[in-house]
N, C-alpha and C. Protein backbone atom coordinates (compact mmCIF):
# COMPACT_ATOMS: atom_id res chain seq x y z
N MET A 1 64.23 96.80 115.23
CA MET A 1 65.12 96.42 116.30
C MET A 1 65.73 95.06 115.98
N LYS A 2 67.06 94.97 116.03
CA LYS A 2 67.76 93.74 115.73
C LYS A 2 67.81 92.85 116.97
N THR A 3 67.52 91.57 116.79
CA THR A 3 67.59 90.65 117.92
C THR A 3 69.01 90.09 118.04
N ARG A 4 69.42 89.78 119.25
CA ARG A 4 70.76 89.23 119.49
C ARG A 4 70.82 87.79 119.02
N SER A 5 71.95 87.40 118.50
CA SER A 5 72.12 86.03 118.05
C SER A 5 72.37 85.12 119.25
N TRP A 6 72.18 83.83 119.04
CA TRP A 6 72.42 82.85 120.10
C TRP A 6 73.87 82.89 120.54
N ILE A 7 74.79 83.17 119.62
CA ILE A 7 76.21 83.22 119.97
C ILE A 7 76.48 84.37 120.94
N SER A 8 75.82 85.49 120.75
CA SER A 8 76.05 86.63 121.64
C SER A 8 75.55 86.34 123.06
N PHE A 9 74.64 85.40 123.22
CA PHE A 9 74.20 84.98 124.55
C PHE A 9 75.14 83.93 125.15
N ILE A 10 75.56 82.98 124.33
CA ILE A 10 76.37 81.85 124.81
C ILE A 10 77.81 82.26 125.14
N ARG A 11 78.44 83.03 124.26
CA ARG A 11 79.87 83.36 124.43
C ARG A 11 80.17 83.95 125.81
N PRO A 12 79.47 84.98 126.29
CA PRO A 12 79.80 85.51 127.63
C PRO A 12 79.51 84.52 128.76
N GLU A 13 78.54 83.64 128.55
CA GLU A 13 78.20 82.65 129.58
C GLU A 13 79.33 81.62 129.76
N LEU A 14 80.19 81.49 128.76
CA LEU A 14 81.27 80.50 128.81
C LEU A 14 82.60 81.08 129.30
N ARG A 15 82.61 82.35 129.68
CA ARG A 15 83.85 82.93 130.22
C ARG A 15 84.27 82.15 131.46
N GLY A 16 85.53 81.83 131.51
CA GLY A 16 86.05 81.10 132.66
C GLY A 16 85.73 79.61 132.64
N ALA A 17 85.19 79.11 131.54
CA ALA A 17 84.86 77.68 131.46
C ALA A 17 86.14 76.84 131.55
N ARG A 18 86.10 75.81 132.38
CA ARG A 18 87.23 74.90 132.52
C ARG A 18 86.97 73.60 131.77
N ARG A 19 85.78 73.08 131.90
CA ARG A 19 85.37 71.86 131.21
C ARG A 19 83.95 72.05 130.73
N ILE A 20 83.70 71.63 129.48
CA ILE A 20 82.39 71.84 128.87
C ILE A 20 81.86 70.52 128.33
N VAL A 21 80.62 70.20 128.66
CA VAL A 21 79.94 69.06 128.05
C VAL A 21 78.90 69.64 127.10
N VAL A 22 78.89 69.12 125.86
CA VAL A 22 77.82 69.46 124.92
C VAL A 22 76.93 68.23 124.86
N LEU A 23 75.69 68.39 125.29
CA LEU A 23 74.74 67.29 125.41
C LEU A 23 73.71 67.41 124.29
N GLY A 24 73.78 66.50 123.32
CA GLY A 24 72.83 66.50 122.22
C GLY A 24 71.60 65.69 122.60
N VAL A 25 70.43 66.28 122.46
CA VAL A 25 69.18 65.65 122.87
C VAL A 25 68.26 65.56 121.65
N GLY A 26 67.52 64.46 121.56
CA GLY A 26 66.54 64.35 120.49
C GLY A 26 66.37 62.93 119.99
N ASN A 27 65.48 62.78 119.02
CA ASN A 27 65.17 61.49 118.43
C ASN A 27 65.38 61.59 116.92
N PRO A 28 66.45 60.99 116.39
CA PRO A 28 66.74 61.12 114.97
C PRO A 28 65.72 60.42 114.08
N ALA A 29 64.89 59.56 114.64
CA ALA A 29 63.86 58.87 113.84
C ALA A 29 62.63 59.75 113.64
N ARG A 30 62.65 60.94 114.24
CA ARG A 30 61.51 61.86 114.12
C ARG A 30 61.92 63.18 113.46
N GLY A 31 62.58 63.09 112.33
CA GLY A 31 62.91 64.26 111.54
C GLY A 31 63.72 65.30 112.29
N ASP A 32 63.19 66.52 112.35
CA ASP A 32 63.91 67.64 112.94
C ASP A 32 64.14 67.50 114.44
N ASP A 33 63.48 66.56 115.09
CA ASP A 33 63.72 66.33 116.51
C ASP A 33 65.14 65.80 116.75
N GLY A 34 65.81 65.34 115.70
CA GLY A 34 67.18 64.84 115.82
C GLY A 34 68.24 65.91 115.70
N ALA A 35 67.87 67.19 115.72
CA ALA A 35 68.83 68.28 115.51
C ALA A 35 69.96 68.28 116.54
N GLY A 36 69.65 68.05 117.81
CA GLY A 36 70.69 68.06 118.85
C GLY A 36 71.72 66.97 118.64
N LEU A 37 71.25 65.78 118.23
CA LEU A 37 72.17 64.67 117.97
C LEU A 37 73.01 64.93 116.73
N ALA A 38 72.40 65.55 115.72
CA ALA A 38 73.13 65.88 114.50
C ALA A 38 74.26 66.86 114.81
N CYS A 39 74.03 67.79 115.74
CA CYS A 39 75.09 68.73 116.14
C CYS A 39 76.27 67.98 116.76
N ILE A 40 75.97 67.03 117.63
CA ILE A 40 77.05 66.26 118.27
C ILE A 40 77.84 65.49 117.21
N ARG A 41 77.15 64.86 116.29
CA ARG A 41 77.84 64.10 115.25
C ARG A 41 78.70 65.00 114.38
N ASP A 42 78.19 66.18 114.05
CA ASP A 42 78.99 67.14 113.26
C ASP A 42 80.18 67.65 114.05
N LEU A 43 80.01 67.92 115.33
CA LEU A 43 81.13 68.38 116.16
C LEU A 43 82.21 67.31 116.25
N ARG A 44 81.83 66.05 116.26
CA ARG A 44 82.82 64.97 116.29
C ARG A 44 83.69 64.96 115.04
N ARG A 45 83.14 65.44 113.93
CA ARG A 45 83.88 65.43 112.67
C ARG A 45 84.66 66.72 112.42
N THR A 46 84.57 67.70 113.33
CA THR A 46 85.26 68.96 113.08
C THR A 46 86.76 68.77 113.08
N ARG A 47 87.40 69.54 112.25
CA ARG A 47 88.86 69.56 112.16
C ARG A 47 89.30 71.00 112.23
N PRO A 48 90.28 71.37 113.03
CA PRO A 48 91.00 70.46 113.91
C PRO A 48 90.08 69.95 115.01
N ARG A 49 90.53 68.90 115.65
CA ARG A 49 89.72 68.28 116.70
C ARG A 49 89.39 69.26 117.81
N LEU A 50 88.33 68.96 118.49
CA LEU A 50 87.92 69.81 119.62
C LEU A 50 88.93 69.67 120.75
N PRO A 51 89.09 70.71 121.56
CA PRO A 51 90.03 70.63 122.68
C PRO A 51 89.60 69.60 123.71
N SER A 52 90.56 69.15 124.51
CA SER A 52 90.29 68.09 125.49
C SER A 52 89.35 68.53 126.60
N PHE A 53 89.13 69.83 126.77
CA PHE A 53 88.22 70.29 127.82
C PHE A 53 86.76 70.23 127.37
N VAL A 54 86.50 69.75 126.14
CA VAL A 54 85.14 69.62 125.63
C VAL A 54 84.81 68.13 125.50
N ARG A 55 83.66 67.73 126.06
CA ARG A 55 83.18 66.36 125.95
C ARG A 55 81.84 66.39 125.25
N LEU A 56 81.65 65.51 124.27
CA LEU A 56 80.39 65.42 123.53
C LEU A 56 79.61 64.21 123.99
N VAL A 57 78.31 64.38 124.25
CA VAL A 57 77.46 63.28 124.71
C VAL A 57 76.19 63.26 123.87
N GLU A 58 75.95 62.13 123.19
CA GLU A 58 74.69 61.91 122.47
C GLU A 58 73.71 61.31 123.45
N ALA A 59 72.77 62.10 123.92
CA ALA A 59 71.86 61.63 124.97
C ALA A 59 70.54 61.10 124.44
N GLY A 60 70.28 61.26 123.16
CA GLY A 60 69.03 60.75 122.61
C GLY A 60 67.82 61.40 123.24
N SER A 61 66.74 60.64 123.32
CA SER A 61 65.49 61.20 123.85
C SER A 61 65.33 60.97 125.35
N VAL A 62 66.34 60.40 126.00
CA VAL A 62 66.30 60.22 127.45
C VAL A 62 67.58 60.78 128.08
N PRO A 63 67.76 62.09 128.03
CA PRO A 63 69.00 62.68 128.53
C PRO A 63 69.27 62.41 130.00
N GLU A 64 68.22 62.14 130.76
CA GLU A 64 68.42 61.86 132.19
C GLU A 64 69.27 60.60 132.41
N ASN A 65 69.31 59.70 131.43
CA ASN A 65 70.12 58.49 131.54
C ASN A 65 71.61 58.76 131.37
N PHE A 66 71.99 59.97 130.97
CA PHE A 66 73.38 60.29 130.69
C PHE A 66 73.97 61.26 131.71
N THR A 67 73.23 61.56 132.78
CA THR A 67 73.74 62.52 133.76
C THR A 67 74.96 61.97 134.50
N GLY A 68 75.06 60.67 134.67
CA GLY A 68 76.24 60.07 135.31
C GLY A 68 77.49 60.31 134.49
N ARG A 69 77.38 60.15 133.17
CA ARG A 69 78.52 60.39 132.28
C ARG A 69 78.94 61.86 132.34
N VAL A 70 77.96 62.73 132.42
CA VAL A 70 78.26 64.16 132.52
C VAL A 70 78.96 64.44 133.85
N ARG A 71 78.43 63.90 134.93
CA ARG A 71 78.99 64.13 136.27
C ARG A 71 80.43 63.66 136.37
N VAL A 72 80.75 62.51 135.79
CA VAL A 72 82.12 61.96 135.85
C VAL A 72 83.12 62.94 135.23
N PHE A 73 82.75 63.61 134.17
CA PHE A 73 83.65 64.56 133.51
C PHE A 73 83.87 65.81 134.37
N GLY A 74 82.91 66.13 135.23
CA GLY A 74 83.03 67.30 136.12
C GLY A 74 83.05 68.63 135.40
N PRO A 75 82.04 68.89 134.57
CA PRO A 75 82.06 70.14 133.80
C PRO A 75 81.75 71.38 134.64
N SER A 76 82.31 72.49 134.20
CA SER A 76 81.92 73.77 134.77
C SER A 76 80.69 74.29 134.03
N HIS A 77 80.51 73.82 132.77
CA HIS A 77 79.39 74.24 131.93
C HIS A 77 78.86 73.06 131.14
N VAL A 78 77.54 73.02 130.98
CA VAL A 78 76.88 72.04 130.12
C VAL A 78 76.06 72.82 129.11
N ILE A 79 76.27 72.49 127.83
CA ILE A 79 75.47 73.11 126.76
C ILE A 79 74.56 72.02 126.21
N VAL A 80 73.26 72.21 126.36
CA VAL A 80 72.27 71.28 125.83
C VAL A 80 71.83 71.82 124.47
N VAL A 81 71.89 70.96 123.44
CA VAL A 81 71.40 71.34 122.12
C VAL A 81 70.21 70.44 121.82
N ASP A 82 69.07 71.06 121.50
CA ASP A 82 67.84 70.30 121.31
C ASP A 82 66.91 71.03 120.36
N ALA A 83 66.08 70.26 119.68
CA ALA A 83 64.97 70.85 118.93
C ALA A 83 63.99 71.38 119.96
N ALA A 84 63.58 72.62 119.80
CA ALA A 84 62.70 73.24 120.79
C ALA A 84 61.65 74.09 120.09
N ARG A 85 60.41 73.86 120.45
CA ARG A 85 59.31 74.63 119.85
C ARG A 85 59.14 75.94 120.61
N ALA A 86 59.29 77.03 119.86
CA ALA A 86 59.14 78.34 120.47
C ALA A 86 58.33 79.27 119.56
N GLY A 87 57.59 78.69 118.62
CA GLY A 87 56.75 79.50 117.75
C GLY A 87 57.53 80.32 116.73
N ARG A 88 58.72 79.88 116.38
CA ARG A 88 59.55 80.60 115.41
C ARG A 88 59.53 79.86 114.08
N ARG A 89 60.23 80.39 113.10
CA ARG A 89 60.29 79.71 111.80
C ARG A 89 61.20 78.48 111.94
N PRO A 90 60.93 77.41 111.19
CA PRO A 90 61.78 76.22 111.26
C PRO A 90 63.24 76.57 110.96
N GLY A 91 64.11 76.07 111.82
CA GLY A 91 65.54 76.32 111.68
C GLY A 91 66.04 77.49 112.51
N ALA A 92 65.14 78.25 113.13
CA ALA A 92 65.59 79.37 113.97
C ALA A 92 66.40 78.82 115.14
N ILE A 93 67.51 79.48 115.43
CA ILE A 93 68.39 79.07 116.53
C ILE A 93 68.25 80.12 117.63
N PHE A 94 68.11 79.67 118.86
CA PHE A 94 67.91 80.63 119.94
C PHE A 94 68.45 80.08 121.24
N PHE A 95 68.78 80.99 122.14
CA PHE A 95 69.25 80.66 123.48
C PHE A 95 68.03 80.55 124.37
N VAL A 96 67.95 79.48 125.14
CA VAL A 96 66.80 79.23 126.00
C VAL A 96 67.25 79.39 127.45
N GLN A 97 66.61 80.27 128.18
CA GLN A 97 66.87 80.41 129.61
C GLN A 97 66.19 79.23 130.32
N PRO A 98 66.95 78.37 131.00
CA PRO A 98 66.31 77.24 131.69
C PRO A 98 65.18 77.65 132.62
N SER A 99 65.31 78.81 133.25
CA SER A 99 64.27 79.26 134.19
C SER A 99 62.99 79.68 133.48
N ARG A 100 63.06 79.90 132.17
CA ARG A 100 61.88 80.33 131.42
C ARG A 100 61.16 79.19 130.73
N ILE A 101 61.66 77.98 130.87
CA ILE A 101 60.99 76.84 130.24
C ILE A 101 59.82 76.43 131.12
N ALA A 102 58.67 76.33 130.52
CA ALA A 102 57.49 75.89 131.27
C ALA A 102 57.69 74.44 131.69
N HIS A 103 57.07 74.05 132.77
CA HIS A 103 57.24 72.67 133.24
C HIS A 103 56.74 71.66 132.23
N GLU A 104 55.81 72.05 131.36
CA GLU A 104 55.39 71.10 130.32
C GLU A 104 56.43 71.06 129.21
N ASP A 105 57.38 72.01 129.26
CA ASP A 105 58.59 72.00 128.46
C ASP A 105 58.36 72.37 127.01
N VAL A 106 59.47 72.66 126.33
CA VAL A 106 59.44 72.99 124.91
C VAL A 106 59.97 71.82 124.09
N SER A 107 60.27 70.71 124.72
CA SER A 107 60.79 69.56 123.97
C SER A 107 59.83 68.38 124.09
N SER A 108 60.24 67.28 123.46
CA SER A 108 59.36 66.11 123.43
C SER A 108 59.88 64.98 124.31
N HIS A 109 60.63 65.27 125.33
CA HIS A 109 61.28 64.23 126.12
C HIS A 109 60.52 63.95 127.41
N ARG A 110 60.79 62.78 127.97
CA ARG A 110 60.08 62.37 129.18
C ARG A 110 60.30 63.34 130.33
N VAL A 111 61.55 63.70 130.56
CA VAL A 111 61.86 64.64 131.63
C VAL A 111 62.03 66.02 131.00
N PRO A 112 61.26 67.01 131.44
CA PRO A 112 61.38 68.34 130.86
C PRO A 112 62.81 68.89 130.98
N LEU A 113 63.25 69.64 129.98
CA LEU A 113 64.59 70.21 130.00
C LEU A 113 64.81 71.11 131.20
N SER A 114 63.76 71.76 131.69
CA SER A 114 63.91 72.63 132.86
C SER A 114 64.34 71.79 134.07
N TRP A 115 63.78 70.61 134.22
CA TRP A 115 64.15 69.73 135.34
C TRP A 115 65.56 69.20 135.16
N LEU A 116 65.89 68.81 133.94
CA LEU A 116 67.24 68.30 133.65
C LEU A 116 68.27 69.39 133.95
N ALA A 117 68.01 70.60 133.49
CA ALA A 117 68.94 71.72 133.72
C ALA A 117 69.11 71.98 135.21
N ARG A 118 68.02 72.00 135.94
CA ARG A 118 68.10 72.25 137.38
C ARG A 118 68.85 71.12 138.09
N TYR A 119 68.57 69.88 137.70
CA TYR A 119 69.24 68.73 138.31
C TYR A 119 70.75 68.80 138.08
N LEU A 120 71.17 69.05 136.84
CA LEU A 120 72.60 69.14 136.54
C LEU A 120 73.26 70.27 137.32
N ALA A 121 72.61 71.43 137.34
CA ALA A 121 73.18 72.59 138.04
C ALA A 121 73.32 72.32 139.54
N GLU A 122 72.31 71.70 140.13
CA GLU A 122 72.33 71.48 141.57
C GLU A 122 73.24 70.34 141.99
N THR A 123 73.32 69.26 141.20
CA THR A 123 74.11 68.10 141.62
C THR A 123 75.57 68.16 141.19
N ILE A 124 75.85 68.91 140.12
CA ILE A 124 77.23 69.01 139.64
C ILE A 124 77.82 70.37 139.99
N GLY A 125 76.97 71.35 140.15
CA GLY A 125 77.46 72.70 140.41
C GLY A 125 77.94 73.38 139.14
N CYS A 126 77.34 73.01 138.02
CA CYS A 126 77.74 73.59 136.74
C CYS A 126 76.69 74.58 136.25
N ARG A 127 77.07 75.34 135.26
CA ARG A 127 76.15 76.25 134.59
C ARG A 127 75.56 75.52 133.40
N VAL A 128 74.25 75.59 133.22
CA VAL A 128 73.58 74.89 132.12
C VAL A 128 73.05 75.92 131.14
N LEU A 129 73.43 75.74 129.88
CA LEU A 129 73.00 76.60 128.79
C LEU A 129 72.24 75.75 127.79
N ILE A 130 71.18 76.29 127.22
CA ILE A 130 70.38 75.51 126.26
C ILE A 130 70.30 76.27 124.95
N ILE A 131 70.68 75.58 123.87
CA ILE A 131 70.52 76.12 122.52
C ILE A 131 69.36 75.37 121.90
N GLY A 132 68.36 76.11 121.49
CA GLY A 132 67.19 75.52 120.84
C GLY A 132 67.23 75.75 119.34
N ILE A 133 66.77 74.75 118.60
CA ILE A 133 66.59 74.87 117.15
C ILE A 133 65.13 74.56 116.87
N GLN A 134 64.42 75.53 116.30
CA GLN A 134 63.00 75.35 116.02
C GLN A 134 62.82 74.26 114.96
N PRO A 135 62.09 73.17 115.31
CA PRO A 135 61.87 72.11 114.33
C PRO A 135 60.73 72.48 113.37
N GLY A 136 60.75 71.84 112.23
CA GLY A 136 59.64 71.96 111.29
C GLY A 136 58.87 70.65 111.33
N ARG A 137 59.42 69.63 110.68
CA ARG A 137 58.77 68.32 110.60
C ARG A 137 59.35 67.36 111.64
N THR A 138 58.45 66.74 112.42
CA THR A 138 58.90 65.77 113.42
C THR A 138 58.14 64.45 113.30
N GLU A 139 57.62 64.19 112.11
CA GLU A 139 56.91 62.93 111.91
C GLU A 139 57.92 61.78 111.87
N PRO A 140 57.52 60.60 112.35
CA PRO A 140 58.42 59.44 112.32
C PRO A 140 58.87 59.12 110.90
N GLY A 141 60.15 58.76 110.78
CA GLY A 141 60.71 58.34 109.51
C GLY A 141 61.18 59.45 108.60
N ARG A 142 61.03 60.70 109.01
CA ARG A 142 61.46 61.82 108.18
C ARG A 142 62.91 62.18 108.47
N PRO A 143 63.66 62.65 107.47
CA PRO A 143 65.02 63.15 107.72
C PRO A 143 64.96 64.58 108.24
N LEU A 144 66.11 65.12 108.61
CA LEU A 144 66.17 66.53 108.98
C LEU A 144 65.75 67.37 107.79
N SER A 145 65.00 68.42 108.02
CA SER A 145 64.63 69.33 106.94
C SER A 145 65.86 70.13 106.52
N VAL A 146 65.81 70.71 105.35
CA VAL A 146 66.92 71.53 104.86
C VAL A 146 67.20 72.69 105.81
N ALA A 147 66.15 73.37 106.26
CA ALA A 147 66.32 74.53 107.14
C ALA A 147 67.00 74.13 108.45
N VAL A 148 66.57 73.03 109.05
CA VAL A 148 67.16 72.60 110.32
C VAL A 148 68.57 72.07 110.09
N GLY A 149 68.80 71.39 108.97
CA GLY A 149 70.15 70.93 108.64
C GLY A 149 71.14 72.08 108.54
N LYS A 150 70.73 73.18 107.92
CA LYS A 150 71.59 74.37 107.82
C LYS A 150 71.84 74.96 109.21
N SER A 151 70.83 74.93 110.06
CA SER A 151 70.99 75.45 111.41
C SER A 151 71.93 74.58 112.24
N VAL A 152 71.85 73.28 112.05
CA VAL A 152 72.77 72.37 112.73
C VAL A 152 74.20 72.73 112.34
N GLU A 153 74.43 72.99 111.07
CA GLU A 153 75.76 73.38 110.60
C GLU A 153 76.20 74.69 111.23
N ARG A 154 75.30 75.67 111.33
CA ARG A 154 75.65 76.96 111.95
C ARG A 154 75.99 76.80 113.43
N VAL A 155 75.23 75.96 114.14
CA VAL A 155 75.53 75.72 115.56
C VAL A 155 76.88 75.02 115.70
N THR A 156 77.14 74.04 114.86
CA THR A 156 78.40 73.31 114.92
C THR A 156 79.58 74.24 114.69
N VAL A 157 79.51 75.04 113.65
CA VAL A 157 80.59 75.98 113.33
C VAL A 157 80.74 77.01 114.44
N GLY A 158 79.62 77.54 114.93
CA GLY A 158 79.67 78.55 115.99
C GLY A 158 80.29 78.02 117.27
N LEU A 159 79.88 76.82 117.69
CA LEU A 159 80.45 76.25 118.91
C LEU A 159 81.93 75.93 118.74
N ALA A 160 82.31 75.39 117.59
CA ALA A 160 83.73 75.08 117.34
C ALA A 160 84.58 76.35 117.44
N ARG A 161 84.08 77.45 116.90
CA ARG A 161 84.81 78.73 116.98
C ARG A 161 84.92 79.22 118.42
N ILE A 162 83.83 79.10 119.15
CA ILE A 162 83.85 79.52 120.56
C ILE A 162 84.86 78.69 121.34
N PHE A 163 84.87 77.37 121.12
CA PHE A 163 85.81 76.51 121.84
C PHE A 163 87.26 76.84 121.48
N LYS A 164 87.50 77.19 120.23
CA LYS A 164 88.84 77.58 119.80
C LYS A 164 89.27 78.86 120.53
N THR A 165 88.36 79.81 120.68
CA THR A 165 88.64 81.06 121.39
C THR A 165 88.95 80.77 122.86
N ILE A 166 88.16 79.89 123.47
CA ILE A 166 88.38 79.54 124.88
C ILE A 166 89.75 78.89 125.04
N ARG A 167 90.13 78.01 124.11
CA ARG A 167 91.44 77.35 124.18
C ARG A 167 92.54 78.39 124.08
N ALA A 168 92.41 79.34 123.15
CA ALA A 168 93.42 80.38 122.99
C ALA A 168 93.55 81.22 124.26
N GLU A 169 92.41 81.57 124.88
CA GLU A 169 92.44 82.34 126.12
C GLU A 169 93.10 81.55 127.24
N ALA A 170 92.80 80.25 127.33
CA ALA A 170 93.39 79.41 128.37
C ALA A 170 94.90 79.29 128.18
N ASN A 171 95.35 79.12 126.94
CA ASN A 171 96.78 79.02 126.66
C ASN A 171 97.49 80.33 127.00
N ARG A 172 96.86 81.45 126.70
CA ARG A 172 97.44 82.75 127.00
C ARG A 172 97.55 82.94 128.52
N ASP A 173 96.53 82.50 129.25
CA ASP A 173 96.55 82.64 130.70
C ASP A 173 97.63 81.76 131.35
N ARG A 174 97.95 80.63 130.71
CA ARG A 174 98.97 79.73 131.25
C ARG A 174 100.39 80.16 130.91
N GLU A 175 100.54 81.07 129.94
CA GLU A 175 101.86 81.52 129.52
C GLU A 175 102.54 82.24 130.68
N PRO A 176 103.80 81.92 130.96
CA PRO A 176 104.50 82.61 132.06
C PRO A 176 104.55 84.11 131.82
N ALA A 177 104.44 84.85 132.90
CA ALA A 177 104.43 86.31 132.80
C ALA A 177 105.69 86.83 132.11
N SER A 178 106.81 86.14 132.29
CA SER A 178 108.06 86.60 131.68
C SER A 178 108.01 86.53 130.16
N ARG A 179 107.12 85.69 129.58
CA ARG A 179 107.05 85.55 128.13
C ARG A 179 105.99 86.45 127.51
N ARG A 180 105.12 87.02 128.35
CA ARG A 180 104.09 87.90 127.82
C ARG A 180 104.70 89.21 127.40
N LYS A 181 104.15 89.79 126.37
CA LYS A 181 104.64 91.10 125.93
C LYS A 181 104.32 92.13 126.99
N ARG A 182 105.34 92.90 127.30
CA ARG A 182 105.14 93.96 128.30
C ARG A 182 104.76 95.23 127.56
N PRO A 183 103.86 95.99 128.15
CA PRO A 183 103.49 97.25 127.49
C PRO A 183 104.69 98.20 127.51
N VAL A 184 104.80 98.93 126.43
CA VAL A 184 105.87 99.93 126.33
C VAL A 184 105.43 101.15 127.13
N PRO A 185 106.26 101.62 128.05
CA PRO A 185 105.86 102.79 128.83
C PRO A 185 105.75 104.00 127.91
N VAL A 186 104.76 104.81 128.16
CA VAL A 186 104.55 106.02 127.39
C VAL A 186 105.02 107.18 128.23
N ARG A 187 105.87 108.01 127.61
CA ARG A 187 106.39 109.17 128.34
C ARG A 187 105.97 110.43 127.63
N SER A 188 105.75 111.41 128.40
CA SER A 188 105.38 112.70 127.85
C SER A 188 106.54 113.28 127.06
N SER A 189 106.27 113.92 125.96
CA SER A 189 107.35 114.53 125.17
C SER A 189 107.94 115.74 125.85
N SER A 190 107.30 116.25 126.86
CA SER A 190 107.81 117.44 127.56
C SER A 190 108.75 117.08 128.70
N ALA A 191 108.94 115.78 128.97
CA ALA A 191 109.77 115.38 130.09
C ALA A 191 111.23 115.41 129.77
């Protein structure tokens, strides 16, 4: 049985998105725990640039300190990217249901991601999505492992493509009806 990719979970959740915050969480001084921040840094370097409806926030290991910045932008969706332990192979990328995170959490932060997700959803009225990357090494002073580095690149490329699709859909929706291609009427050959 084939498992669904993280993109197949995230893409439908972003339908109708007006403003999106991507919140990178983690500690870059602890190896693979810096995966969320590495994603934000890579997204900042993407070309062409990300659309104006996307805001990137490097929240570090205290994401609760950045909720004001998120609130000011007024997102319809928040995507949290974080190293998350889920018993998978290092570098595995997966969609995390906020409601399924145990209160002791799958991350190493002071405030559990489940609480952060609930707080953002309730106070901003946005949808919160979490992308987890299974860490390997999280010892102090270690760099990102090769496996997690490749996963960071896959998340960056995947999100950039999704945002490009959303921009194209938004532009198409804004196009005046008079400029949209009209379907050619089909007539029966017996008429």
